[in-house]
Amino acid sequence: MDETPWPVKGLKEWLWVIAHPQDQPNIHVDETPWPVKGLKEWLWVIAHPQFCLFQAADTRSRAELEAILGTEYTGVHRAR
């Protein structure tokens, strides 16, 4: 069961329709540790001049990035 609140889910869907982050030739990606109640979580940032997407995640693994951009992204990730 997806427990993402509907306004957040709606915003993410809107971003996908309007900005097409998965189709951008260049995006900036960064992940930074974020302590939450004593546990290390990760805050991912996907940025482009048209959008900025923040995503909280449990790890900094490639699987998290693929969950955000999909597995077919062919553009360039630029780490900040």
C-alpha atoms as a PDB file:
ATOM      1  CA  MET A   1       0.000   0.000   0.000  1.00  0.00           C
ATOM      2  CA  ASP A   2       1.409   3.394  -1.025  1.00  0.00           C
ATOM      3  CA  GLU A   3       1.129   5.760   1.933  1.00  0.00           C
ATOM      4  CA  THR A   4       2.254   8.906   0.121  1.00  0.00           C
ATOM      5  CA  PRO A   5      -0.181  11.731   0.961  1.00  0.00           C
ATOM      6  CA  TRP A   6      -2.336  12.582  -2.067  1.00  0.00           C
ATOM      7  CA  PRO A   7      -1.093  16.228  -2.400  1.00  0.00           C
ATOM      8  CA  VAL A   8       2.522  14.997  -2.587  1.00  0.00           C
ATOM      9  CA  LYS A   9       1.632  12.222  -4.997  1.00  0.00           C
ATOM     10  CA  GLY A  10      -0.303  14.690  -7.136  1.00  0.00           C
ATOM     11  CA  LEU A  11       2.635  17.112  -7.216  1.00  0.00           C
ATOM     12  CA  LYS A  12       5.057  14.368  -8.236  1.00  0.00           C
ATOM     13  CA  GLU A  13       2.686  13.261 -11.017  1.00  0.00           C
ATOM     14  CA  TRP A  14       2.323  16.888 -12.159  1.00  0.00           C
ATOM     15  CA  LEU A  15       6.114  17.269 -12.259  1.00  0.00           C
ATOM     16  CA  TRP A  16       6.410  14.119 -14.370  1.00  0.00           C
ATOM     17  CA  VAL A  17       3.837  15.413 -16.871  1.00  0.00           C
ATOM     18  CA  ILE A  18       5.122  19.013 -17.087  1.00  0.00           C
ATOM     19  CA  ALA A  19       8.916  18.780 -16.701  1.00  0.00           C
ATOM     20  CA  HIS A  20       9.642  15.201 -17.837  1.00  0.00           C
ATOM     21  CA  PRO A  21      12.731  14.780 -15.609  1.00  0.00           C
ATOM     22  CA  GLN A  22      13.307  11.341 -17.110  1.00  0.00           C
ATOM     23  CA  ASP A  23      13.665  12.956 -20.574  1.00  0.00           C
ATOM     24  CA  GLN A  24      16.041  15.804 -19.665  1.00  0.00           C
ATOM     25  CA  PRO A  25      19.520  15.513 -21.221  1.00  0.00           C
ATOM     26  CA  ASN A  26      21.227  16.875 -18.080  1.00  0.00           C
ATOM     27  CA  ILE A  27      20.121  16.929 -14.465  1.00  0.00           C
ATOM     28  CA  HIS A  28      21.911  17.576 -11.207  1.00  0.00           C
ATOM     29  CA  VAL A  29      21.634  14.891  -8.546  1.00  0.00           C
ATOM     30  CA  ASP A  30      22.728  15.043  -4.940  1.00  0.00           C
ATOM     31  CA  GLU A  31      22.063  12.950  -1.896  1.00  0.00           C
ATOM     32  CA  THR A  32      22.897  13.983   1.619  1.00  0.00           C
ATOM     33  CA  PRO A  33      22.581  12.191   4.965  1.00  0.00           C
ATOM     34  CA  TRP A  34      19.653  13.304   7.047  1.00  0.00           C
ATOM     35  CA  PRO A  35      19.341  12.086  10.665  1.00  0.00           C
ATOM     36  CA  VAL A  36      15.784  11.118  11.562  1.00  0.00           C
ATOM     37  CA  LYS A  37      15.143   9.941  15.118  1.00  0.00           C
ATOM     38  CA  GLY A  38      18.694   8.620  15.403  1.00  0.00           C
ATOM     39  CA  LEU A  39      18.655   6.799  12.046  1.00  0.00           C
ATOM     40  CA  LYS A  40      20.564   7.844   8.953  1.00  0.00           C
ATOM     41  CA  GLU A  41      18.145   8.628   6.154  1.00  0.00           C
ATOM     42  CA  TRP A  42      18.974  10.280   2.834  1.00  0.00           C
ATOM     43  CA  LEU A  43      17.575  13.356   1.175  1.00  0.00           C
ATOM     44  CA  TRP A  44      17.863  13.185  -2.611  1.00  0.00           C
ATOM     45  CA  VAL A  45      17.696  16.301  -4.777  1.00  0.00           C
ATOM     46  CA  ILE A  46      17.071  16.159  -8.523  1.00  0.00           C
ATOM     47  CA  ALA A  47      17.526  19.647 -10.009  1.00  0.00           C
ATOM     48  CA  HIS A  48      17.138  21.275 -13.401  1.00  0.00           C
ATOM     49  CA  PRO A  49      16.369  24.892 -14.396  1.00  0.00           C
ATOM     50  CA  GLN A  50      12.680  23.892 -14.784  1.00  0.00           C
ATOM     51  CA  PHE A  51      12.241  21.945 -11.546  1.00  0.00           C
ATOM     52  CA  CYS A  52      13.713  20.800  -8.257  1.00  0.00           C
ATOM     53  CA  LEU A  53      12.536  17.529  -6.735  1.00  0.00           C
ATOM     54  CA  PHE A  54      13.330  16.482  -3.170  1.00  0.00           C
ATOM     55  CA  GLN A  55      12.861  12.849  -2.197  1.00  0.00           C
ATOM     56  CA  ALA A  56      13.452  11.279   1.226  1.00  0.00           C
ATOM     57  CA  ALA A  57      14.841   7.742   1.085  1.00  0.00           C
ATOM     58  CA  ASP A  58      16.233   5.007   3.301  1.00  0.00           C
ATOM     59  CA  THR A  59      19.495   4.574   1.370  1.00  0.00           C
ATOM     60  CA  ARG A  60      21.763   6.290  -1.116  1.00  0.00           C
ATOM     61  CA  SER A  61      21.802   3.264  -3.397  1.00  0.00           C
ATOM     62  CA  ARG A  62      21.299   3.283  -7.149  1.00  0.00           C
ATOM     63  CA  ALA A  63      17.900   1.677  -6.548  1.00  0.00           C
ATOM     64  CA  GLU A  64      16.718   4.915  -4.916  1.00  0.00           C
ATOM     65  CA  LEU A  65      17.797   6.955  -7.952  1.00  0.00           C
ATOM     66  CA  GLU A  66      16.104   4.483 -10.292  1.00  0.00           C
ATOM     67  CA  ALA A  67      12.929   4.734  -8.218  1.00  0.00           C
ATOM     68  CA  ILE A  68      12.956   8.486  -8.856  1.00  0.00           C
ATOM     69  CA  LEU A  69      14.068   8.620 -12.514  1.00  0.00           C
ATOM     70  CA  GLY A  70      13.234   5.127 -13.700  1.00  0.00           C
ATOM     71  CA  THR A  71      15.651   2.580 -15.113  1.00  0.00           C
ATOM     72  CA  GLU A  72      15.644   3.929 -18.672  1.00  0.00           C
ATOM     73  CA  TYR A  73      17.127   7.387 -18.012  1.00  0.00           C
ATOM     74  CA  THR A  74      19.832   8.002 -20.640  1.00  0.00           C
ATOM     75  CA  GLY A  75      20.855  11.560 -19.833  1.00  0.00           C
ATOM     76  CA  VAL A  76      23.786  12.767 -17.774  1.00  0.00           C
ATOM     77  CA  HIS A  77      23.685  12.825 -13.954  1.00  0.00           C
ATOM     78  CA  ARG A  78      25.854  15.593 -12.596  1.00  0.00           C
ATOM     79  CA  ALA A  79      26.674  15.284  -8.929  1.00  0.00           C
ATOM     80  CA  ARG A  80      26.994  18.495  -6.985  1.00  0.00           C
END
